[in-house]
C-alpha atoms as a PDB file:
ATOM      1  CA  MET A   1     -16.100  -9.614   3.609  1.00  0.00           C
ATOM      2  CA  ARG A   2     -14.745 -10.738   0.678  1.00  0.00           C
ATOM      3  CA  PHE A   3     -11.246 -11.242  -0.008  1.00  0.00           C
ATOM      4  CA  GLY A   4      -9.776 -12.194  -3.069  1.00  0.00           C
ATOM      5  CA  VAL A   5      -5.640 -13.065  -3.830  1.00  0.00           C
ATOM      6  CA  VAL A   6      -4.293 -12.073  -6.917  1.00  0.00           C
ATOM      7  CA  VAL A   7      -1.850 -14.647  -8.531  1.00  0.00           C
ATOM      8  CA  PHE A   8       0.597 -13.983 -11.335  1.00  0.00           C
ATOM      9  CA  PRO A   9       3.571 -16.133 -12.481  1.00  0.00           C
ATOM     10  CA  GLY A  10       6.359 -16.471 -10.023  1.00  0.00           C
ATOM     11  CA  THR A  11       4.087 -15.510  -7.608  1.00  0.00           C
ATOM     12  CA  TRP A  12       4.387 -17.505  -4.332  1.00  0.00           C
ATOM     13  CA  SER A  13       2.837 -14.885  -0.965  1.00  0.00           C
ATOM     14  CA  ASP A  14      -0.749 -16.144  -2.429  1.00  0.00           C
ATOM     15  CA  CYS A  15      -1.530 -19.287  -0.840  1.00  0.00           C
ATOM     16  CA  ASP A  16      -0.109 -17.797   3.060  1.00  0.00           C
ATOM     17  CA  PHE A  17      -2.961 -14.448   1.966  1.00  0.00           C
ATOM     18  CA  HIS A  18      -5.422 -17.374   0.903  1.00  0.00           C
ATOM     19  CA  TYR A  19      -4.918 -19.352   4.802  1.00  0.00           C
ATOM     20  CA  VAL A  20      -4.745 -15.900   7.428  1.00  0.00           C
ATOM     21  CA  VAL A  21      -7.892 -14.746   5.804  1.00  0.00           C
ATOM     22  CA  SER A  22      -9.609 -18.255   5.035  1.00  0.00           C
ATOM     23  CA  GLU A  23      -8.548 -20.659   7.761  1.00  0.00           C
ATOM     24  CA  VAL A  24      -7.424 -17.723  10.028  1.00  0.00           C
ATOM     25  CA  LEU A  25      -9.609 -14.451  10.250  1.00  0.00           C
ATOM     26  CA  ARG A  26     -12.737 -17.267   8.711  1.00  0.00           C
ATOM     27  CA  GLN A  27     -13.948 -14.582   5.979  1.00  0.00           C
ATOM     28  CA  PRO A  28     -14.744 -15.736   2.542  1.00  0.00           C
ATOM     29  CA  VAL A  29     -11.251 -15.603   0.061  1.00  0.00           C
ATOM     30  CA  LYS A  30     -11.265 -16.511  -4.050  1.00  0.00           C
ATOM     31  CA  TYR A  31      -8.203 -16.947  -6.347  1.00  0.00           C
ATOM     32  CA  ILE A  32      -7.375 -14.509  -8.904  1.00  0.00           C
ATOM     33  CA  TRP A  33      -6.187 -15.024 -12.107  1.00  0.00           C
ATOM     34  CA  HIS A  34      -3.654 -11.922 -13.348  1.00  0.00           C
ATOM     35  CA  ARG A  35      -5.404 -11.554 -16.393  1.00  0.00           C
ATOM     36  CA  ASP A  36      -9.227 -11.331 -15.341  1.00  0.00           C
ATOM     37  CA  ARG A  37     -10.807  -7.614 -14.648  1.00  0.00           C
ATOM     38  CA  ASN A  38     -13.696  -8.672 -12.576  1.00  0.00           C
ATOM     39  CA  LEU A  39     -13.366  -7.983  -9.066  1.00  0.00           C
ATOM     40  CA  ASP A  40     -17.759  -7.290  -8.585  1.00  0.00           C
ATOM     41  CA  ASP A  41     -17.721 -10.073  -6.033  1.00  0.00           C
ATOM     42  CA  VAL A  42     -14.558  -8.599  -3.795  1.00  0.00           C
ATOM     43  CA  ASP A  43     -14.368  -6.089  -1.334  1.00  0.00           C
ATOM     44  CA  CYS A  44     -10.429  -6.429  -0.972  1.00  0.00           C
ATOM     45  CA  VAL A  45      -7.871  -7.513  -3.279  1.00  0.00           C
ATOM     46  CA  VAL A  46      -4.601  -8.426  -2.269  1.00  0.00           C
ATOM     47  CA  LEU A  47      -1.218  -8.734  -3.814  1.00  0.00           C
ATOM     48  CA  PRO A  48       1.276 -11.196  -2.159  1.00  0.00           C
ATOM     49  CA  GLY A  49       5.003 -10.847  -2.295  1.00  0.00           C
ATOM     50  CA  GLY A  50       6.617 -12.972  -4.606  1.00  0.00           C
ATOM     51  CA  PHE A  51       8.831 -12.424  -8.430  1.00  0.00           C
ATOM     52  CA  SER A  52       5.228 -11.876 -10.867  1.00  0.00           C
ATOM     53  CA  TYR A  53       6.422 -12.212 -14.466  1.00  0.00           C
ATOM     54  CA  GLY A  54       9.737 -13.219 -12.848  1.00  0.00           C
ATOM     55  CA  ASP A  55      10.776  -9.917 -11.982  1.00  0.00           C
ATOM     56  CA  TYR A  56      12.044  -8.419 -15.361  1.00  0.00           C
ATOM     57  CA  LEU A  57      13.181  -5.309 -15.545  1.00  0.00           C
ATOM     58  CA  ARG A  58      11.890  -3.866 -12.248  1.00  0.00           C
ATOM     59  CA  ALA A  59      10.020  -5.725  -9.998  1.00  0.00           C
ATOM     60  CA  GLY A  60       6.333  -5.327 -10.130  1.00  0.00           C
ATOM     61  CA  ALA A  61       7.090  -3.653 -13.488  1.00  0.00           C
ATOM     62  CA  VAL A  62       4.831  -5.993 -15.747  1.00  0.00           C
ATOM     63  CA  ALA A  63       2.651  -7.037 -12.850  1.00  0.00           C
ATOM     64  CA  GLY A  64       1.635  -3.485 -12.864  1.00  0.00           C
ATOM     65  CA  ARG A  65       0.589  -3.218 -16.544  1.00  0.00           C
ATOM     66  CA  SER A  66      -1.260  -6.555 -15.793  1.00  0.00           C
ATOM     67  CA  PRO A  67      -4.842  -6.532 -16.955  1.00  0.00           C
ATOM     68  CA  VAL A  68      -6.022  -7.150 -13.301  1.00  0.00           C
ATOM     69  CA  VAL A  69      -4.503  -4.287 -12.344  1.00  0.00           C
ATOM     70  CA  GLU A  70      -5.664  -2.274 -14.452  1.00  0.00           C
ATOM     71  CA  ALA A  71      -9.127  -3.151 -12.857  1.00  0.00           C
ATOM     72  CA  LEU A  72      -8.035  -1.935  -9.824  1.00  0.00           C
ATOM     73  CA  GLY A  73      -8.464   1.985 -10.168  1.00  0.00           C
ATOM     74  CA  ASP A  74     -11.750   2.189 -11.073  1.00  0.00           C
ATOM     75  CA  PHE A  75     -12.632  -0.709  -8.481  1.00  0.00           C
ATOM     76  CA  VAL A  76     -10.814   1.526  -5.691  1.00  0.00           C
ATOM     77  CA  ALA A  77     -12.909   4.631  -7.477  1.00  0.00           C
ATOM     78  CA  ARG A  78     -16.061   2.332  -6.673  1.00  0.00           C
ATOM     79  CA  GLY A  79     -14.744   2.345  -2.533  1.00  0.00           C
ATOM     80  CA  GLY A  80     -12.463  -1.397  -2.580  1.00  0.00           C
ATOM     81  CA  HIS A  81     -10.027  -1.682  -0.592  1.00  0.00           C
ATOM     82  CA  VAL A  82      -6.266  -3.086  -1.585  1.00  0.00           C
ATOM     83  CA  LEU A  83      -3.632  -4.994   0.271  1.00  0.00           C
ATOM     84  CA  GLY A  84      -0.156  -4.970  -1.260  1.00  0.00           C
ATOM     85  CA  SER A  85       2.631  -6.382   0.197  1.00  0.00           C
ATOM     86  CA  CYS A  86       6.374  -6.671  -0.631  1.00  0.00           C
ATOM     87  CA  ASN A  87       5.668  -7.505  -4.022  1.00  0.00           C
ATOM     88  CA  GLY A  88       2.473  -6.308  -4.263  1.00  0.00           C
ATOM     89  CA  PHE A  89       3.904  -3.067  -3.054  1.00  0.00           C
ATOM     90  CA  GLN A  90       6.189  -2.913  -5.735  1.00  0.00           C
ATOM     91  CA  ILE A  91       2.978  -3.668  -7.612  1.00  0.00           C
ATOM     92  CA  LEU A  92       1.558  -0.675  -6.671  1.00  0.00           C
ATOM     93  CA  CYS A  93       3.982   2.230  -7.112  1.00  0.00           C
ATOM     94  CA  GLU A  94       4.259   0.444 -10.498  1.00  0.00           C
ATOM     95  CA  ALA A  95       0.709   0.847 -11.568  1.00  0.00           C
ATOM     96  CA  GLY A  96       1.101   4.419 -10.272  1.00  0.00           C
ATOM     97  CA  LEU A  97      -2.108   3.116  -7.540  1.00  0.00           C
ATOM     98  CA  LEU A  98       1.051   4.937  -4.722  1.00  0.00           C
ATOM     99  CA  PRO A  99       3.253   7.336  -5.047  1.00  0.00           C
ATOM    100  CA  GLY A 100       7.454   5.834  -4.653  1.00  0.00           C
ATOM    101  CA  ALA A 101       9.877   3.199  -6.381  1.00  0.00           C
ATOM    102  CA  LEU A 102      10.882   0.644  -4.254  1.00  0.00           C
ATOM    103  CA  MET A 103      15.041  -0.358  -4.538  1.00  0.00           C
ATOM    104  CA  ARG A 104      17.307  -2.395  -4.539  1.00  0.00           C
ATOM    105  CA  ASN A 105      18.251  -2.661  -0.696  1.00  0.00           C
ATOM    106  CA  GLU A 106      21.143  -0.262   0.268  1.00  0.00           C
ATOM    107  CA  CYS A 107      23.106  -3.498   1.188  1.00  0.00           C
ATOM    108  CA  LEU A 108      22.856  -4.890  -2.398  1.00  0.00           C
ATOM    109  CA  GLN A 109      21.829  -7.840  -0.138  1.00  0.00           C
ATOM    110  CA  TYR A 110      18.772 -10.254   0.246  1.00  0.00           C
ATOM    111  CA  ARG A 111      17.778  -9.854   3.312  1.00  0.00           C
ATOM    112  CA  CYS A 112      14.860 -11.771   5.117  1.00  0.00           C
ATOM    113  CA  GLN A 113      14.301 -11.280   8.919  1.00  0.00           C
ATOM    114  CA  GLN A 114      11.945 -10.039  11.943  1.00  0.00           C
ATOM    115  CA  THR A 115      11.630  -6.072  11.031  1.00  0.00           C
ATOM    116  CA  HIS A 116       9.828  -3.643  13.994  1.00  0.00           C
ATOM    117  CA  LEU A 117       7.857  -1.521  12.239  1.00  0.00           C
ATOM    118  CA  VAL A 118       5.702   1.917  14.520  1.00  0.00           C
ATOM    119  CA  VAL A 119       2.814   3.422  13.381  1.00  0.00           C
ATOM    120  CA  GLU A 120       3.015   6.506  12.452  1.00  0.00           C
ATOM    121  CA  ASN A 121      -1.048   7.021  11.201  1.00  0.00           C
ATOM    122  CA  VAL A 122      -4.454   5.442  12.353  1.00  0.00           C
ATOM    123  CA  GLU A 123      -6.406   7.850  11.395  1.00  0.00           C
ATOM    124  CA  THR A 124      -6.760   4.661   8.055  1.00  0.00           C
ATOM    125  CA  PRO A 125      -9.128   1.586   7.584  1.00  0.00           C
ATOM    126  CA  PHE A 126      -5.910  -0.400   7.575  1.00  0.00           C
ATOM    127  CA  THR A 127      -4.450   0.788  11.292  1.00  0.00           C
ATOM    128  CA  ARG A 128      -7.828   2.494  13.276  1.00  0.00           C
ATOM    129  CA  GLY A 129      -7.879  -0.103  15.137  1.00  0.00           C
ATOM    130  CA  LEU A 130      -3.901   0.664  16.440  1.00  0.00           C
ATOM    131  CA  ARG A 131      -2.630   3.719  17.950  1.00  0.00           C
ATOM    132  CA  VAL A 132      -0.169   6.007  16.940  1.00  0.00           C
ATOM    133  CA  GLY A 133       3.031   4.743  17.680  1.00  0.00           C
ATOM    134  CA  GLN A 134       2.330   1.439  18.466  1.00  0.00           C
ATOM    135  CA  VAL A 135       5.366  -1.656  17.787  1.00  0.00           C
ATOM    136  CA  LEU A 136       4.628  -4.229  15.543  1.00  0.00           C
ATOM    137  CA  THR A 137       6.982  -6.921  14.846  1.00  0.00           C
ATOM    138  CA  MET A 138       6.326  -8.984  10.973  1.00  0.00           C
ATOM    139  CA  PRO A 139       9.991 -10.164   9.127  1.00  0.00           C
ATOM    140  CA  ILE A 140      11.159  -8.919   6.010  1.00  0.00           C
ATOM    141  CA  SER A 141      11.719 -11.222   2.652  1.00  0.00           C
ATOM    142  CA  HIS A 142      12.924  -8.750  -0.236  1.00  0.00           C
ATOM    143  CA  GLY A 143      16.379  -7.461  -2.168  1.00  0.00           C
ATOM    144  CA  GLU A 144      14.347  -4.470  -3.619  1.00  0.00           C
ATOM    145  CA  GLY A 145      12.828  -2.887  -1.153  1.00  0.00           C
ATOM    146  CA  LYS A 146      14.423   0.881  -0.444  1.00  0.00           C
ATOM    147  CA  TYR A 147      11.814   2.872  -0.500  1.00  0.00           C
ATOM    148  CA  TYR A 148      12.068   6.243  -2.749  1.00  0.00           C
ATOM    149  CA  ALA A 149      10.368   9.003  -3.770  1.00  0.00           C
ATOM    150  CA  ASP A 150      11.680  12.827  -4.698  1.00  0.00           C
ATOM    151  CA  ALA A 151      11.439  16.009  -2.357  1.00  0.00           C
ATOM    152  CA  GLY A 152       8.220  16.747  -3.193  1.00  0.00           C
ATOM    153  CA  ALA A 153       6.234  13.479  -3.408  1.00  0.00           C
ATOM    154  CA  LEU A 154       8.074  12.361   0.622  1.00  0.00           C
ATOM    155  CA  ALA A 155       7.037  16.094   1.331  1.00  0.00           C
ATOM    156  CA  LYS A 156       2.957  15.232   0.530  1.00  0.00           C
ATOM    157  CA  LEU A 157       3.462  12.401   1.906  1.00  0.00           C
ATOM    158  CA  ARG A 158       4.338  13.355   5.477  1.00  0.00           C
ATOM    159  CA  LYS A 159       1.588  16.567   4.320  1.00  0.00           C
ATOM    160  CA  ASN A 160      -1.129  14.126   4.331  1.00  0.00           C
ATOM    161  CA  GLY A 161       0.177  11.597   6.177  1.00  0.00           C
ATOM    162  CA  GLN A 162       0.751   9.079   3.792  1.00  0.00           C
ATOM    163  CA  ILE A 163       3.654   7.361   6.008  1.00  0.00           C
ATOM    164  CA  VAL A 164       1.776   4.368   8.123  1.00  0.00           C
ATOM    165  CA  PHE A 165       4.861   2.108   8.752  1.00  0.00           C
ATOM    166  CA  ARG A 166       8.549   3.195   9.827  1.00  0.00           C
ATOM    167  CA  TYR A 167      11.065   0.799  10.232  1.00  0.00           C
ATOM    168  CA  ALA A 168      11.737   1.276  14.479  1.00  0.00           C
ATOM    169  CA  THR A 169      13.964  -0.749  16.788  1.00  0.00           C
ATOM    170  CA  ALA A 170      11.752  -2.856  19.509  1.00  0.00           C
ATOM    171  CA  GLU A 171      11.270   0.023  21.589  1.00  0.00           C
ATOM    172  CA  GLY A 172       9.511   2.087  18.717  1.00  0.00           C
ATOM    173  CA  GLN A 173      12.850   4.558  17.601  1.00  0.00           C
ATOM    174  CA  VAL A 174      13.114   5.272  13.818  1.00  0.00           C
ATOM    175  CA  THR A 175      17.174   4.833  13.918  1.00  0.00           C
ATOM    176  CA  ARG A 176      19.555   4.377  10.537  1.00  0.00           C
ATOM    177  CA  THR A 177      19.890   1.028  12.629  1.00  0.00           C
ATOM    178  CA  ALA A 178      16.858  -0.304  12.680  1.00  0.00           C
ATOM    179  CA  ASN A 179      16.546   0.198   8.790  1.00  0.00           C
ATOM    180  CA  PRO A 180      17.192  -3.044   6.765  1.00  0.00           C
ATOM    181  CA  ASN A 181      17.145  -1.832   3.473  1.00  0.00           C
ATOM    182  CA  GLY A 182      18.246   2.097   3.474  1.00  0.00           C
ATOM    183  CA  SER A 183      14.916   3.122   2.663  1.00  0.00           C
ATOM    184  CA  LEU A 184      14.512   6.469   2.445  1.00  0.00           C
ATOM    185  CA  GLU A 185      12.754   8.621   6.467  1.00  0.00           C
ATOM    186  CA  SER A 186      12.417   4.224   7.104  1.00  0.00           C
ATOM    187  CA  ILE A 187       9.509   4.132   5.465  1.00  0.00           C
ATOM    188  CA  ALA A 188       8.036   0.505   5.283  1.00  0.00           C
ATOM    189  CA  GLY A 189       4.517   1.391   4.197  1.00  0.00           C
ATOM    190  CA  VAL A 190       2.794   3.905   2.463  1.00  0.00           C
ATOM    191  CA  VAL A 191      -1.293   4.339   1.588  1.00  0.00           C
ATOM    192  CA  ASN A 192      -2.779   6.481  -1.170  1.00  0.00           C
ATOM    193  CA  GLU A 193      -4.488   9.498  -0.710  1.00  0.00           C
ATOM    194  CA  GLU A 194      -8.083   8.159   0.732  1.00  0.00           C
ATOM    195  CA  GLY A 195      -5.935   5.398   2.290  1.00  0.00           C
ATOM    196  CA  THR A 196      -7.701   2.759   0.646  1.00  0.00           C
ATOM    197  CA  VAL A 197      -4.791   1.608  -0.784  1.00  0.00           C
ATOM    198  CA  LEU A 198      -2.269   0.030   1.184  1.00  0.00           C
ATOM    199  CA  GLY A 199       1.774  -0.249   0.418  1.00  0.00           C
ATOM    200  CA  LEU A 200       4.511  -2.298   3.071  1.00  0.00           C
ATOM    201  CA  MET A 201       6.990  -4.388   1.922  1.00  0.00           C
ATOM    202  CA  PRO A 202       6.827  -6.259   5.313  1.00  0.00           C
ATOM    203  CA  HIS A 203       4.997  -9.712   5.344  1.00  0.00           C
ATOM    204  CA  PRO A 204       1.856  -9.659   7.372  1.00  0.00           C
ATOM    205  CA  GLU A 205       0.070 -12.744   6.361  1.00  0.00           C
ATOM    206  CA  ARG A 206       3.481 -14.364   8.268  1.00  0.00           C
ATOM    207  CA  ALA A 207       2.670 -12.411  11.892  1.00  0.00           C
ATOM    208  CA  ALA A 208      -0.457 -14.329  11.960  1.00  0.00           C
ATOM    209  CA  GLU A 209       0.016 -17.426  14.468  1.00  0.00           C
ATOM    210  CA  PRO A 210       1.790 -17.988  17.410  1.00  0.00           C
ATOM    211  CA  ALA A 211       3.803 -20.224  15.729  1.00  0.00           C
ATOM    212  CA  MET A 212       5.310 -17.892  13.508  1.00  0.00           C
ATOM    213  CA  GLY A 213       6.556 -15.784  16.555  1.00  0.00           C
ATOM    214  CA  SER A 214       4.106 -12.546  15.547  1.00  0.00           C
ATOM    215  CA  THR A 215       0.515 -12.157  15.062  1.00  0.00           C
ATOM    216  CA  ASP A 216       0.350  -8.386  15.044  1.00  0.00           C
ATOM    217  CA  GLY A 217      -0.096  -8.675  11.106  1.00  0.00           C
ATOM    218  CA  LEU A 218      -3.695  -9.465  11.910  1.00  0.00           C
ATOM    219  CA  LEU A 219      -3.809  -6.654  13.559  1.00  0.00           C
ATOM    220  CA  ILE A 220      -4.304  -4.902   9.710  1.00  0.00           C
ATOM    221  CA  PHE A 221      -6.538  -7.230   8.387  1.00  0.00           C
ATOM    222  CA  GLN A 222      -8.368  -6.725  11.961  1.00  0.00           C
ATOM    223  CA  SER A 223      -8.732  -3.146  11.740  1.00  0.00           C
ATOM    224  CA  LEU A 224      -9.736  -3.376   7.786  1.00  0.00           C
ATOM    225  CA  LEU A 225     -12.818  -5.908   9.174  1.00  0.00           C
ATOM    226  CA  GLY A 226     -13.754  -3.772  12.202  1.00  0.00           C
ATOM    227  CA  SER A 227     -14.042   0.216   9.856  1.00  0.00           C
ATOM    228  CA  LEU A 228     -15.654  -1.462   6.943  1.00  0.00           C
ATOM    229  CA  VAL A 229     -18.067  -2.468   9.688  1.00  0.00           C
ATOM    230  CA  GLU A 230     -18.865   0.035  11.069  1.00  0.00           C
ATOM    231  CA  ASP A 231     -18.552   2.479   7.964  1.00  0.00           C
ATOM    232  CA  GLY A 232     -21.065  -0.222   6.881  1.00  0.00           C
ATOM    233  CA  SER A 233     -18.326   0.887   3.477  1.00  0.00           C
ATOM    234  CA  PHE A 234     -18.395  -3.031   1.883  1.00  0.00           C
ATOM    235  CA  LEU A 235     -19.223  -2.465  -1.742  1.00  0.00           C
ATOM    236  CA  LYS A 236     -22.601  -2.802  -2.963  1.00  0.00           C
ATOM    237  CA  ARG A 237     -24.081  -5.776  -5.102  1.00  0.00           C
END
């Protein structure tokens, strides 16, 4: 499976993702410059964390209108997969590829800490190797991670099973105190209706080796790899 990691001015998680894909997962990966529209030779595009374009206007607002992001619509329509973490999640929402928006943390502070996520939906390529109720440990590092959507959008997310991860306790209980940023309904990650675009605020690339305190981030990548091999869903070239 071929991965492409997008690099925007201000991105800082691109090298982390590249390392995990190439050195831990042993999969082909390349960097994609933000002005490049050609995504023909990759199966999954990764939008990493950071401060794309300095996060001017709003986090992810400028990047959401960049050439590479404009090309993602066609990429997804022909079977491509997209993973956006932290700033990448913000970009996907700004571009309209995922519903909702990410706002300033409720505490108005930047939060960098370990969090626990409870798995809500295992019917997506990114979670098919997991189980409902499974608890994953991954760090967050953001100042604008409060997920918001209006009542109608939230109802649609629940109905379609698009809420994939919620912040929870180590035991899997969704509580207010386990929510680090005030996200509505403790939402930490959502997918599009087809399940091929995943956005989450935690950093799976920072939970991929024992030295980092958790390897749970690898489960998302491994689930995607297993799903595409099983379904034969690699893009035709």
